[in-house]
mmCIF file of all heavy atoms, coordinates in Angstrom:
data_MODEL
# 
_entry.id   MODEL 
# 
loop_
_atom_site.group_PDB 
_atom_site.id 
_atom_site.type_symbol 
_atom_site.label_atom_id 
_atom_site.label_alt_id 
_atom_site.label_comp_id 
_atom_site.label_asym_id 
_atom_site.label_entity_id 
_atom_site.label_seq_id 
_atom_site.pdbx_PDB_ins_code 
_atom_site.Cartn_x 
_atom_site.Cartn_y 
_atom_site.Cartn_z 
_atom_site.occupancy 
_atom_site.B_iso_or_equiv 
_atom_site.pdbx_formal_charge 
_atom_site.auth_seq_id 
_atom_site.auth_comp_id 
_atom_site.auth_asym_id 
_atom_site.auth_atom_id 
_atom_site.pdbx_PDB_model_num 
ATOM 1   N N   . LYS A 1 1  ? -229.958 42.781 36.484 1.00 0.00 ? 1  LYS A N   1 
ATOM 2   C CA  . LYS A 1 1  ? -229.283 41.539 36.745 1.00 0.00 ? 1  LYS A CA  1 
ATOM 3   C C   . LYS A 1 1  ? -227.854 41.653 36.273 1.00 0.00 ? 1  LYS A C   1 
ATOM 4   O O   . LYS A 1 1  ? -227.568 42.288 35.216 1.00 0.00 ? 1  LYS A O   1 
ATOM 5   C CB  . LYS A 1 1  ? -229.963 40.371 36.019 1.00 0.00 ? 1  LYS A CB  1 
ATOM 6   C CG  . LYS A 1 1  ? -231.382 40.051 36.517 1.00 0.00 ? 1  LYS A CG  1 
ATOM 7   C CD  . LYS A 1 1  ? -231.972 38.843 35.763 1.00 0.00 ? 1  LYS A CD  1 
ATOM 8   C CE  . LYS A 1 1  ? -233.347 38.497 36.299 1.00 0.00 ? 1  LYS A CE  1 
ATOM 9   N NZ  . LYS A 1 1  ? -233.916 37.343 35.564 1.00 0.00 ? 1  LYS A NZ  1 
ATOM 10  N N   . GLY A 1 2  ? -226.934 41.008 36.968 1.00 0.00 ? 2  GLY A N   1 
ATOM 11  C CA  . GLY A 1 2  ? -225.549 41.049 36.529 1.00 0.00 ? 2  GLY A CA  1 
ATOM 12  C C   . GLY A 1 2  ? -224.582 40.902 37.694 1.00 0.00 ? 2  GLY A C   1 
ATOM 13  O O   . GLY A 1 2  ? -224.947 40.620 38.814 1.00 0.00 ? 2  GLY A O   1 
ATOM 14  N N   . PHE A 1 3  ? -223.302 41.069 37.362 1.00 0.00 ? 3  PHE A N   1 
ATOM 15  C CA  . PHE A 1 3  ? -222.239 40.924 38.324 1.00 0.00 ? 3  PHE A CA  1 
ATOM 16  C C   . PHE A 1 3  ? -221.010 41.679 37.799 1.00 0.00 ? 3  PHE A C   1 
ATOM 17  O O   . PHE A 1 3  ? -220.923 42.024 36.621 1.00 0.00 ? 3  PHE A O   1 
ATOM 18  C CB  . PHE A 1 3  ? -221.883 39.477 38.630 1.00 0.00 ? 3  PHE A CB  1 
ATOM 19  C CG  . PHE A 1 3  ? -221.533 38.656 37.394 1.00 0.00 ? 3  PHE A CG  1 
ATOM 20  C CD1 . PHE A 1 3  ? -220.198 38.563 37.054 1.00 0.00 ? 3  PHE A CD1 1 
ATOM 21  C CD2 . PHE A 1 3  ? -222.465 38.045 36.621 1.00 0.00 ? 3  PHE A CD2 1 
ATOM 22  C CE1 . PHE A 1 3  ? -219.784 37.842 35.934 1.00 0.00 ? 3  PHE A CE1 1 
ATOM 23  C CE2 . PHE A 1 3  ? -222.114 37.288 35.540 1.00 0.00 ? 3  PHE A CE2 1 
ATOM 24  C CZ  . PHE A 1 3  ? -220.774 37.162 35.156 1.00 0.00 ? 3  PHE A CZ  1 
ATOM 25  N N   . GLN A 1 4  ? -220.035 41.874 38.725 1.00 0.00 ? 4  GLN A N   1 
ATOM 26  C CA  . GLN A 1 4  ? -218.842 42.548 38.343 1.00 0.00 ? 4  GLN A CA  1 
ATOM 27  C C   . GLN A 1 4  ? -217.682 41.617 38.335 1.00 0.00 ? 4  GLN A C   1 
ATOM 28  O O   . GLN A 1 4  ? -217.611 40.635 39.081 1.00 0.00 ? 4  GLN A O   1 
ATOM 29  C CB  . GLN A 1 4  ? -218.529 43.639 39.378 1.00 0.00 ? 4  GLN A CB  1 
ATOM 30  C CG  . GLN A 1 4  ? -217.356 44.595 39.028 1.00 0.00 ? 4  GLN A CG  1 
ATOM 31  C CD  . GLN A 1 4  ? -217.193 45.712 40.067 1.00 0.00 ? 4  GLN A CD  1 
ATOM 32  O OE1 . GLN A 1 4  ? -216.611 45.483 41.089 1.00 0.00 ? 4  GLN A OE1 1 
ATOM 33  N NE2 . GLN A 1 4  ? -217.742 46.901 39.720 1.00 0.00 ? 4  GLN A NE2 1 
ATOM 34  N N   . VAL A 1 5  ? -216.722 41.856 37.386 1.00 0.00 ? 5  VAL A N   1 
ATOM 35  C CA  . VAL A 1 5  ? -215.516 41.112 37.346 1.00 0.00 ? 5  VAL A CA  1 
ATOM 36  C C   . VAL A 1 5  ? -214.307 42.078 37.521 1.00 0.00 ? 5  VAL A C   1 
ATOM 37  O O   . VAL A 1 5  ? -214.200 43.089 36.781 1.00 0.00 ? 5  VAL A O   1 
ATOM 38  C CB  . VAL A 1 5  ? -215.310 40.384 35.970 1.00 0.00 ? 5  VAL A CB  1 
ATOM 39  C CG1 . VAL A 1 5  ? -213.956 39.707 35.934 1.00 0.00 ? 5  VAL A CG1 1 
ATOM 40  C CG2 . VAL A 1 5  ? -216.394 39.382 35.756 1.00 0.00 ? 5  VAL A CG2 1 
ATOM 41  N N   . LEU A 1 6  ? -213.501 41.813 38.514 1.00 0.00 ? 6  LEU A N   1 
ATOM 42  C CA  . LEU A 1 6  ? -212.265 42.579 38.758 1.00 0.00 ? 6  LEU A CA  1 
ATOM 43  C C   . LEU A 1 6  ? -211.079 41.760 38.374 1.00 0.00 ? 6  LEU A C   1 
ATOM 44  O O   . LEU A 1 6  ? -210.813 40.711 38.941 1.00 0.00 ? 6  LEU A O   1 
ATOM 45  C CB  . LEU A 1 6  ? -212.220 42.966 40.264 1.00 0.00 ? 6  LEU A CB  1 
ATOM 46  C CG  . LEU A 1 6  ? -210.936 43.751 40.667 1.00 0.00 ? 6  LEU A CG  1 
ATOM 47  C CD1 . LEU A 1 6  ? -210.769 45.053 39.936 1.00 0.00 ? 6  LEU A CD1 1 
ATOM 48  C CD2 . LEU A 1 6  ? -210.935 43.924 42.214 1.00 0.00 ? 6  LEU A CD2 1 
ATOM 49  N N   . TYR A 1 7  ? -210.325 42.254 37.381 1.00 0.00 ? 7  TYR A N   1 
ATOM 50  C CA  . TYR A 1 7  ? -209.132 41.574 36.906 1.00 0.00 ? 7  TYR A CA  1 
ATOM 51  C C   . TYR A 1 7  ? -207.943 42.455 37.111 1.00 0.00 ? 7  TYR A C   1 
ATOM 52  O O   . TYR A 1 7  ? -207.913 43.639 36.769 1.00 0.00 ? 7  TYR A O   1 
ATOM 53  C CB  . TYR A 1 7  ? -209.270 41.250 35.406 1.00 0.00 ? 7  TYR A CB  1 
ATOM 54  C CG  . TYR A 1 7  ? -207.975 40.613 34.853 1.00 0.00 ? 7  TYR A CG  1 
ATOM 55  C CD1 . TYR A 1 7  ? -207.793 39.191 34.934 1.00 0.00 ? 7  TYR A CD1 1 
ATOM 56  C CD2 . TYR A 1 7  ? -206.978 41.370 34.341 1.00 0.00 ? 7  TYR A CD2 1 
ATOM 57  C CE1 . TYR A 1 7  ? -206.613 38.637 34.454 1.00 0.00 ? 7  TYR A CE1 1 
ATOM 58  C CE2 . TYR A 1 7  ? -205.791 40.769 33.873 1.00 0.00 ? 7  TYR A CE2 1 
ATOM 59  C CZ  . TYR A 1 7  ? -205.650 39.417 33.961 1.00 0.00 ? 7  TYR A CZ  1 
ATOM 60  O OH  . TYR A 1 7  ? -204.435 38.843 33.554 1.00 0.00 ? 7  TYR A OH  1 
ATOM 61  N N   . SER A 1 8  ? -206.875 41.910 37.700 1.00 0.00 ? 8  SER A N   1 
ATOM 62  C CA  . SER A 1 8  ? -205.609 42.654 37.839 1.00 0.00 ? 8  SER A CA  1 
ATOM 63  C C   . SER A 1 8  ? -204.412 41.728 37.582 1.00 0.00 ? 8  SER A C   1 
ATOM 64  O O   . SER A 1 8  ? -204.496 40.517 37.860 1.00 0.00 ? 8  SER A O   1 
ATOM 65  C CB  . SER A 1 8  ? -205.560 43.257 39.255 1.00 0.00 ? 8  SER A CB  1 
ATOM 66  O OG  . SER A 1 8  ? -205.444 42.170 40.236 1.00 0.00 ? 8  SER A OG  1 
ATOM 67  N N   . SER A 1 9  ? -203.369 42.345 37.098 1.00 0.00 ? 9  SER A N   1 
ATOM 68  C CA  . SER A 1 9  ? -202.185 41.597 36.734 1.00 0.00 ? 9  SER A CA  1 
ATOM 69  C C   . SER A 1 9  ? -200.939 42.529 36.813 1.00 0.00 ? 9  SER A C   1 
ATOM 70  O O   . SER A 1 9  ? -201.004 43.685 36.424 1.00 0.00 ? 9  SER A O   1 
ATOM 71  C CB  . SER A 1 9  ? -202.292 41.059 35.302 1.00 0.00 ? 9  SER A CB  1 
ATOM 72  O OG  . SER A 1 9  ? -201.138 40.346 34.947 1.00 0.00 ? 9  SER A OG  1 
ATOM 73  N N   . ARG A 1 10 ? -199.876 41.962 37.338 1.00 0.00 ? 10 ARG A N   1 
ATOM 74  C CA  . ARG A 1 10 ? -198.620 42.706 37.389 1.00 0.00 ? 10 ARG A CA  1 
ATOM 75  C C   . ARG A 1 10 ? -197.506 41.730 37.117 1.00 0.00 ? 10 ARG A C   1 
ATOM 76  O O   . ARG A 1 10 ? -197.543 40.570 37.380 1.00 0.00 ? 10 ARG A O   1 
ATOM 77  C CB  . ARG A 1 10 ? -198.386 43.399 38.705 1.00 0.00 ? 10 ARG A CB  1 
ATOM 78  C CG  . ARG A 1 10 ? -198.384 42.514 39.888 1.00 0.00 ? 10 ARG A CG  1 
ATOM 79  C CD  . ARG A 1 10 ? -198.165 43.283 41.227 1.00 0.00 ? 10 ARG A CD  1 
ATOM 80  N NE  . ARG A 1 10 ? -198.226 42.382 42.352 1.00 0.00 ? 10 ARG A NE  1 
ATOM 81  C CZ  . ARG A 1 10 ? -199.350 42.138 43.055 1.00 0.00 ? 10 ARG A CZ  1 
ATOM 82  N NH1 . ARG A 1 10 ? -200.464 42.755 42.687 1.00 0.00 ? 10 ARG A NH1 1 
ATOM 83  N NH2 . ARG A 1 10 ? -199.306 41.321 44.075 1.00 0.00 ? 10 ARG A NH2 1 
ATOM 84  N N   . MET A 1 11 ? -196.425 42.259 36.485 1.00 0.00 ? 11 MET A N   1 
ATOM 85  C CA  . MET A 1 11 ? -195.283 41.458 36.049 1.00 0.00 ? 11 MET A CA  1 
ATOM 86  C C   . MET A 1 11 ? -194.052 41.680 36.863 1.00 0.00 ? 11 MET A C   1 
ATOM 87  O O   . MET A 1 11 ? -192.946 41.234 36.531 1.00 0.00 ? 11 MET A O   1 
ATOM 88  C CB  . MET A 1 11 ? -194.951 41.781 34.533 1.00 0.00 ? 11 MET A CB  1 
ATOM 89  C CG  . MET A 1 11 ? -196.129 41.584 33.615 1.00 0.00 ? 11 MET A CG  1 
ATOM 90  S SD  . MET A 1 11 ? -195.693 41.966 31.891 1.00 0.00 ? 11 MET A SD  1 
ATOM 91  C CE  . MET A 1 11 ? -194.612 40.601 31.495 1.00 0.00 ? 11 MET A CE  1 
ATOM 92  N N   . HIS A 1 12 ? -194.201 42.384 38.010 1.00 0.00 ? 12 HIS A N   1 
ATOM 93  C CA  . HIS A 1 12 ? -193.045 42.795 38.823 1.00 0.00 ? 12 HIS A CA  1 
ATOM 94  C C   . HIS A 1 12 ? -193.105 42.451 40.236 1.00 0.00 ? 12 HIS A C   1 
ATOM 95  O O   . HIS A 1 12 ? -192.230 42.833 41.051 1.00 0.00 ? 12 HIS A O   1 
ATOM 96  C CB  . HIS A 1 12 ? -192.822 44.316 38.650 1.00 0.00 ? 12 HIS A CB  1 
ATOM 97  C CG  . HIS A 1 12 ? -194.082 45.082 38.827 1.00 0.00 ? 12 HIS A CG  1 
ATOM 98  N ND1 . HIS A 1 12 ? -194.624 45.362 40.143 1.00 0.00 ? 12 HIS A ND1 1 
ATOM 99  C CD2 . HIS A 1 12 ? -194.981 45.610 37.960 1.00 0.00 ? 12 HIS A CD2 1 
ATOM 100 C CE1 . HIS A 1 12 ? -195.759 46.013 39.990 1.00 0.00 ? 12 HIS A CE1 1 
ATOM 101 N NE2 . HIS A 1 12 ? -195.983 46.178 38.665 1.00 0.00 ? 12 HIS A NE2 1 
ATOM 102 N N   . ASN A 1 13 ? -194.145 41.724 40.631 1.00 0.00 ? 13 ASN A N   1 
ATOM 103 C CA  . ASN A 1 13 ? -194.257 41.242 42.036 1.00 0.00 ? 13 ASN A CA  1 
ATOM 104 C C   . ASN A 1 13 ? -195.283 40.114 41.984 1.00 0.00 ? 13 ASN A C   1 
ATOM 105 O O   . ASN A 1 13 ? -196.421 40.312 41.584 1.00 0.00 ? 13 ASN A O   1 
ATOM 106 C CB  . ASN A 1 13 ? -194.709 42.359 42.990 1.00 0.00 ? 13 ASN A CB  1 
ATOM 107 C CG  . ASN A 1 13 ? -194.715 41.870 44.429 1.00 0.00 ? 13 ASN A CG  1 
ATOM 108 O OD1 . ASN A 1 13 ? -195.416 40.931 44.831 1.00 0.00 ? 13 ASN A OD1 1 
ATOM 109 N ND2 . ASN A 1 13 ? -193.845 42.512 45.272 1.00 0.00 ? 13 ASN A ND2 1 
ATOM 110 N N   . GLU A 1 14 ? -194.880 38.908 42.432 1.00 0.00 ? 14 GLU A N   1 
ATOM 111 C CA  . GLU A 1 14 ? -195.722 37.756 42.201 1.00 0.00 ? 14 GLU A CA  1 
ATOM 112 C C   . GLU A 1 14 ? -196.638 37.459 43.423 1.00 0.00 ? 14 GLU A C   1 
ATOM 113 O O   . GLU A 1 14 ? -197.378 36.478 43.402 1.00 0.00 ? 14 GLU A O   1 
ATOM 114 C CB  . GLU A 1 14 ? -194.892 36.531 41.948 1.00 0.00 ? 14 GLU A CB  1 
ATOM 115 C CG  . GLU A 1 14 ? -193.990 36.073 43.117 1.00 0.00 ? 14 GLU A CG  1 
ATOM 116 C CD  . GLU A 1 14 ? -193.126 34.922 42.762 1.00 0.00 ? 14 GLU A CD  1 
ATOM 117 O OE1 . GLU A 1 14 ? -193.082 34.542 41.557 1.00 0.00 ? 14 GLU A OE1 1 
ATOM 118 O OE2 . GLU A 1 14 ? -192.455 34.384 43.638 1.00 0.00 ? 14 GLU A OE2 1 
ATOM 119 N N   . ALA A 1 15 ? -196.651 38.298 44.432 1.00 0.00 ? 15 ALA A N   1 
ATOM 120 C CA  . ALA A 1 15 ? -197.524 38.108 45.568 1.00 0.00 ? 15 ALA A CA  1 
ATOM 121 C C   . ALA A 1 15 ? -198.953 37.969 45.150 1.00 0.00 ? 15 ALA A C   1 
ATOM 122 O O   . ALA A 1 15 ? -199.443 38.762 44.337 1.00 0.00 ? 15 ALA A O   1 
ATOM 123 C CB  . ALA A 1 15 ? -197.376 39.290 46.582 1.00 0.00 ? 15 ALA A CB  1 
ATOM 124 N N   . GLY A 1 16 ? -199.688 36.998 45.618 1.00 0.00 ? 16 GLY A N   1 
ATOM 125 C CA  . GLY A 1 16 ? -201.025 36.778 45.208 1.00 0.00 ? 16 GLY A CA  1 
ATOM 126 C C   . GLY A 1 16 ? -201.192 35.788 44.062 1.00 0.00 ? 16 GLY A C   1 
ATOM 127 O O   . GLY A 1 16 ? -202.251 35.186 43.950 1.00 0.00 ? 16 GLY A O   1 
ATOM 128 N N   . GLY A 1 17 ? -200.116 35.625 43.310 1.00 0.00 ? 17 GLY A N   1 
ATOM 129 C CA  . GLY A 1 17 ? -200.085 34.612 42.256 1.00 0.00 ? 17 GLY A CA  1 
ATOM 130 C C   . GLY A 1 17 ? -201.280 34.689 41.333 1.00 0.00 ? 17 GLY A C   1 
ATOM 131 O O   . GLY A 1 17 ? -201.768 35.753 40.991 1.00 0.00 ? 17 GLY A O   1 
ATOM 132 N N   . THR A 1 18 ? -201.682 33.531 40.829 1.00 0.00 ? 18 THR A N   1 
ATOM 133 C CA  . THR A 1 18 ? -202.856 33.408 39.904 1.00 0.00 ? 18 THR A CA  1 
ATOM 134 C C   . THR A 1 18 ? -204.069 32.935 40.644 1.00 0.00 ? 18 THR A C   1 
ATOM 135 O O   . THR A 1 18 ? -204.024 31.845 41.230 1.00 0.00 ? 18 THR A O   1 
ATOM 136 C CB  . THR A 1 18 ? -202.517 32.415 38.747 1.00 0.00 ? 18 THR A CB  1 
ATOM 137 O OG1 . THR A 1 18 ? -201.293 32.853 38.081 1.00 0.00 ? 18 THR A OG1 1 
ATOM 138 C CG2 . THR A 1 18 ? -203.621 32.395 37.740 1.00 0.00 ? 18 THR A CG2 1 
ATOM 139 N N   . LYS A 1 19 ? -205.099 33.749 40.701 1.00 0.00 ? 19 LYS A N   1 
ATOM 140 C CA  . LYS A 1 19 ? -206.306 33.376 41.467 1.00 0.00 ? 19 LYS A CA  1 
ATOM 141 C C   . LYS A 1 19 ? -207.521 33.563 40.603 1.00 0.00 ? 19 LYS A C   1 
ATOM 142 O O   . LYS A 1 19 ? -207.616 34.468 39.753 1.00 0.00 ? 19 LYS A O   1 
ATOM 143 C CB  . LYS A 1 19 ? -206.431 34.316 42.722 1.00 0.00 ? 19 LYS A CB  1 
ATOM 144 C CG  . LYS A 1 19 ? -205.193 34.377 43.611 1.00 0.00 ? 19 LYS A CG  1 
ATOM 145 C CD  . LYS A 1 19 ? -204.918 33.066 44.315 1.00 0.00 ? 19 LYS A CD  1 
ATOM 146 C CE  . LYS A 1 19 ? -203.761 33.171 45.235 1.00 0.00 ? 19 LYS A CE  1 
ATOM 147 N NZ  . LYS A 1 19 ? -203.368 31.846 45.797 1.00 0.00 ? 19 LYS A NZ  1 
ATOM 148 N N   . GLU A 1 20 ? -208.532 32.746 40.906 1.00 0.00 ? 20 GLU A N   1 
ATOM 149 C CA  . GLU A 1 20 ? -209.850 32.862 40.258 1.00 0.00 ? 20 GLU A CA  1 
ATOM 150 C C   . GLU A 1 20 ? -210.911 32.558 41.367 1.00 0.00 ? 20 GLU A C   1 
ATOM 151 O O   . GLU A 1 20 ? -211.056 31.422 41.733 1.00 0.00 ? 20 GLU A O   1 
ATOM 152 C CB  . GLU A 1 20 ? -210.005 31.910 39.072 1.00 0.00 ? 20 GLU A CB  1 
ATOM 153 C CG  . GLU A 1 20 ? -209.139 32.283 37.958 1.00 0.00 ? 20 GLU A CG  1 
ATOM 154 C CD  . GLU A 1 20 ? -209.247 31.259 36.826 1.00 0.00 ? 20 GLU A CD  1 
ATOM 155 O OE1 . GLU A 1 20 ? -210.287 31.110 36.245 1.00 0.00 ? 20 GLU A OE1 1 
ATOM 156 O OE2 . GLU A 1 20 ? -208.213 30.577 36.532 1.00 0.00 ? 20 GLU A OE2 1 
ATOM 157 N N   . TYR A 1 21 ? -211.609 33.580 41.801 1.00 0.00 ? 21 TYR A N   1 
ATOM 158 C CA  . TYR A 1 21 ? -212.592 33.472 42.840 1.00 0.00 ? 21 TYR A CA  1 
ATOM 159 C C   . TYR A 1 21 ? -213.982 33.887 42.258 1.00 0.00 ? 21 TYR A C   1 
ATOM 160 O O   . TYR A 1 21 ? -214.131 34.960 41.772 1.00 0.00 ? 21 TYR A O   1 
ATOM 161 C CB  . TYR A 1 21 ? -212.325 34.400 44.011 1.00 0.00 ? 21 TYR A CB  1 
ATOM 162 C CG  . TYR A 1 21 ? -210.953 34.142 44.692 1.00 0.00 ? 21 TYR A CG  1 
ATOM 163 C CD1 . TYR A 1 21 ? -210.317 35.154 45.314 1.00 0.00 ? 21 TYR A CD1 1 
ATOM 164 C CD2 . TYR A 1 21 ? -210.407 32.869 44.733 1.00 0.00 ? 21 TYR A CD2 1 
ATOM 165 C CE1 . TYR A 1 21 ? -209.111 34.963 45.972 1.00 0.00 ? 21 TYR A CE1 1 
ATOM 166 C CE2 . TYR A 1 21 ? -209.183 32.636 45.359 1.00 0.00 ? 21 TYR A CE2 1 
ATOM 167 C CZ  . TYR A 1 21 ? -208.544 33.699 46.015 1.00 0.00 ? 21 TYR A CZ  1 
ATOM 168 O OH  . TYR A 1 21 ? -207.300 33.475 46.614 1.00 0.00 ? 21 TYR A OH  1 
ATOM 169 N N   . TYR A 1 22 ? -214.916 32.977 42.342 1.00 0.00 ? 22 TYR A N   1 
ATOM 170 C CA  . TYR A 1 22 ? -216.317 33.256 42.017 1.00 0.00 ? 22 TYR A CA  1 
ATOM 171 C C   . TYR A 1 22 ? -217.135 33.341 43.256 1.00 0.00 ? 22 TYR A C   1 
ATOM 172 O O   . TYR A 1 22 ? -217.093 32.463 44.130 1.00 0.00 ? 22 TYR A O   1 
ATOM 173 C CB  . TYR A 1 22 ? -216.884 32.132 41.119 1.00 0.00 ? 22 TYR A CB  1 
ATOM 174 C CG  . TYR A 1 22 ? -216.450 32.267 39.670 1.00 0.00 ? 22 TYR A CG  1 
ATOM 175 C CD1 . TYR A 1 22 ? -215.193 31.846 39.292 1.00 0.00 ? 22 TYR A CD1 1 
ATOM 176 C CD2 . TYR A 1 22 ? -217.292 32.788 38.707 1.00 0.00 ? 22 TYR A CD2 1 
ATOM 177 C CE1 . TYR A 1 22 ? -214.799 31.996 37.952 1.00 0.00 ? 22 TYR A CE1 1 
ATOM 178 C CE2 . TYR A 1 22 ? -216.904 32.950 37.384 1.00 0.00 ? 22 TYR A CE2 1 
ATOM 179 C CZ  . TYR A 1 22 ? -215.637 32.553 37.038 1.00 0.00 ? 22 TYR A CZ  1 
ATOM 180 O OH  . TYR A 1 22 ? -215.272 32.650 35.736 1.00 0.00 ? 22 TYR A OH  1 
ATOM 181 N N   . TYR A 1 23 ? -217.877 34.477 43.401 1.00 0.00 ? 23 TYR A N   1 
ATOM 182 C CA  . TYR A 1 23 ? -218.726 34.733 44.592 1.00 0.00 ? 23 TYR A CA  1 
ATOM 183 C C   . TYR A 1 23 ? -220.183 34.650 44.292 1.00 0.00 ? 23 TYR A C   1 
ATOM 184 O O   . TYR A 1 23 ? -220.584 35.139 43.217 1.00 0.00 ? 23 TYR A O   1 
ATOM 185 C CB  . TYR A 1 23 ? -218.378 36.050 45.220 1.00 0.00 ? 23 TYR A CB  1 
ATOM 186 C CG  . TYR A 1 23 ? -216.914 36.238 45.653 1.00 0.00 ? 23 TYR A CG  1 
ATOM 187 C CD1 . TYR A 1 23 ? -215.995 36.890 44.831 1.00 0.00 ? 23 TYR A CD1 1 
ATOM 188 C CD2 . TYR A 1 23 ? -216.487 35.798 46.895 1.00 0.00 ? 23 TYR A CD2 1 
ATOM 189 C CE1 . TYR A 1 23 ? -214.718 37.086 45.270 1.00 0.00 ? 23 TYR A CE1 1 
ATOM 190 C CE2 . TYR A 1 23 ? -215.188 35.948 47.308 1.00 0.00 ? 23 TYR A CE2 1 
ATOM 191 C CZ  . TYR A 1 23 ? -214.272 36.575 46.488 1.00 0.00 ? 23 TYR A CZ  1 
ATOM 192 O OH  . TYR A 1 23 ? -212.987 36.763 46.854 1.00 0.00 ? 23 TYR A OH  1 
ATOM 193 N N   . SER A 1 24 ? -220.943 34.136 45.249 1.00 0.00 ? 24 SER A N   1 
ATOM 194 C CA  . SER A 1 24 ? -222.404 34.365 45.245 1.00 0.00 ? 24 SER A CA  1 
ATOM 195 C C   . SER A 1 24 ? -222.754 34.795 46.667 1.00 0.00 ? 24 SER A C   1 
ATOM 196 O O   . SER A 1 24 ? -221.896 34.871 47.547 1.00 0.00 ? 24 SER A O   1 
ATOM 197 C CB  . SER A 1 24 ? -223.118 33.040 44.884 1.00 0.00 ? 24 SER A CB  1 
ATOM 198 O OG  . SER A 1 24 ? -223.061 32.124 45.959 1.00 0.00 ? 24 SER A OG  1 
ATOM 199 N N   . ASN A 1 25 ? -224.003 35.071 46.897 1.00 0.00 ? 25 ASN A N   1 
ATOM 200 C CA  . ASN A 1 25 ? -224.493 35.485 48.199 1.00 0.00 ? 25 ASN A CA  1 
ATOM 201 C C   . ASN A 1 25 ? -224.278 34.365 49.235 1.00 0.00 ? 25 ASN A C   1 
ATOM 202 O O   . ASN A 1 25 ? -224.283 34.564 50.447 1.00 0.00 ? 25 ASN A O   1 
ATOM 203 C CB  . ASN A 1 25 ? -225.973 35.899 48.172 1.00 0.00 ? 25 ASN A CB  1 
ATOM 204 C CG  . ASN A 1 25 ? -226.415 36.525 49.453 1.00 0.00 ? 25 ASN A CG  1 
ATOM 205 O OD1 . ASN A 1 25 ? -227.301 36.012 50.034 1.00 0.00 ? 25 ASN A OD1 1 
ATOM 206 N ND2 . ASN A 1 25 ? -225.797 37.583 49.884 1.00 0.00 ? 25 ASN A ND2 1 
ATOM 207 N N   . GLY A 1 26 ? -224.107 33.128 48.735 1.00 0.00 ? 26 GLY A N   1 
ATOM 208 C CA  . GLY A 1 26 ? -224.008 31.974 49.653 1.00 0.00 ? 26 GLY A CA  1 
ATOM 209 C C   . GLY A 1 26 ? -222.638 31.501 49.936 1.00 0.00 ? 26 GLY A C   1 
ATOM 210 O O   . GLY A 1 26 ? -222.393 30.694 50.793 1.00 0.00 ? 26 GLY A O   1 
ATOM 211 N N   . GLY A 1 27 ? -221.567 32.033 49.189 1.00 0.00 ? 27 GLY A N   1 
ATOM 212 C CA  . GLY A 1 27 ? -220.228 31.581 49.445 1.00 0.00 ? 27 GLY A CA  1 
ATOM 213 C C   . GLY A 1 27 ? -219.347 31.829 48.227 1.00 0.00 ? 27 GLY A C   1 
ATOM 214 O O   . GLY A 1 27 ? -219.568 32.754 47.465 1.00 0.00 ? 27 GLY A O   1 
ATOM 215 N N   . MET A 1 28 ? -218.386 30.936 48.038 1.00 0.00 ? 28 MET A N   1 
ATOM 216 C CA  . MET A 1 28 ? -217.442 31.178 46.934 1.00 0.00 ? 28 MET A CA  1 
ATOM 217 C C   . MET A 1 28 ? -216.932 29.901 46.345 1.00 0.00 ? 28 MET A C   1 
ATOM 218 O O   . MET A 1 28 ? -216.900 28.829 47.021 1.00 0.00 ? 28 MET A O   1 
ATOM 219 C CB  . MET A 1 28 ? -216.286 32.016 47.414 1.00 0.00 ? 28 MET A CB  1 
ATOM 220 C CG  . MET A 1 28 ? -215.387 31.355 48.462 1.00 0.00 ? 28 MET A CG  1 
ATOM 221 S SD  . MET A 1 28 ? -214.002 32.414 48.998 1.00 0.00 ? 28 MET A SD  1 
ATOM 222 C CE  . MET A 1 28 ? -212.978 32.487 47.486 1.00 0.00 ? 28 MET A CE  1 
# 
């Protein structure tokens, strides 16, 4: 049982901004 967390951050290009997405098999 478990899940993965992918975290990324950069200080030199703001494309994508600040996002937090939680996924399940049924949606997000």
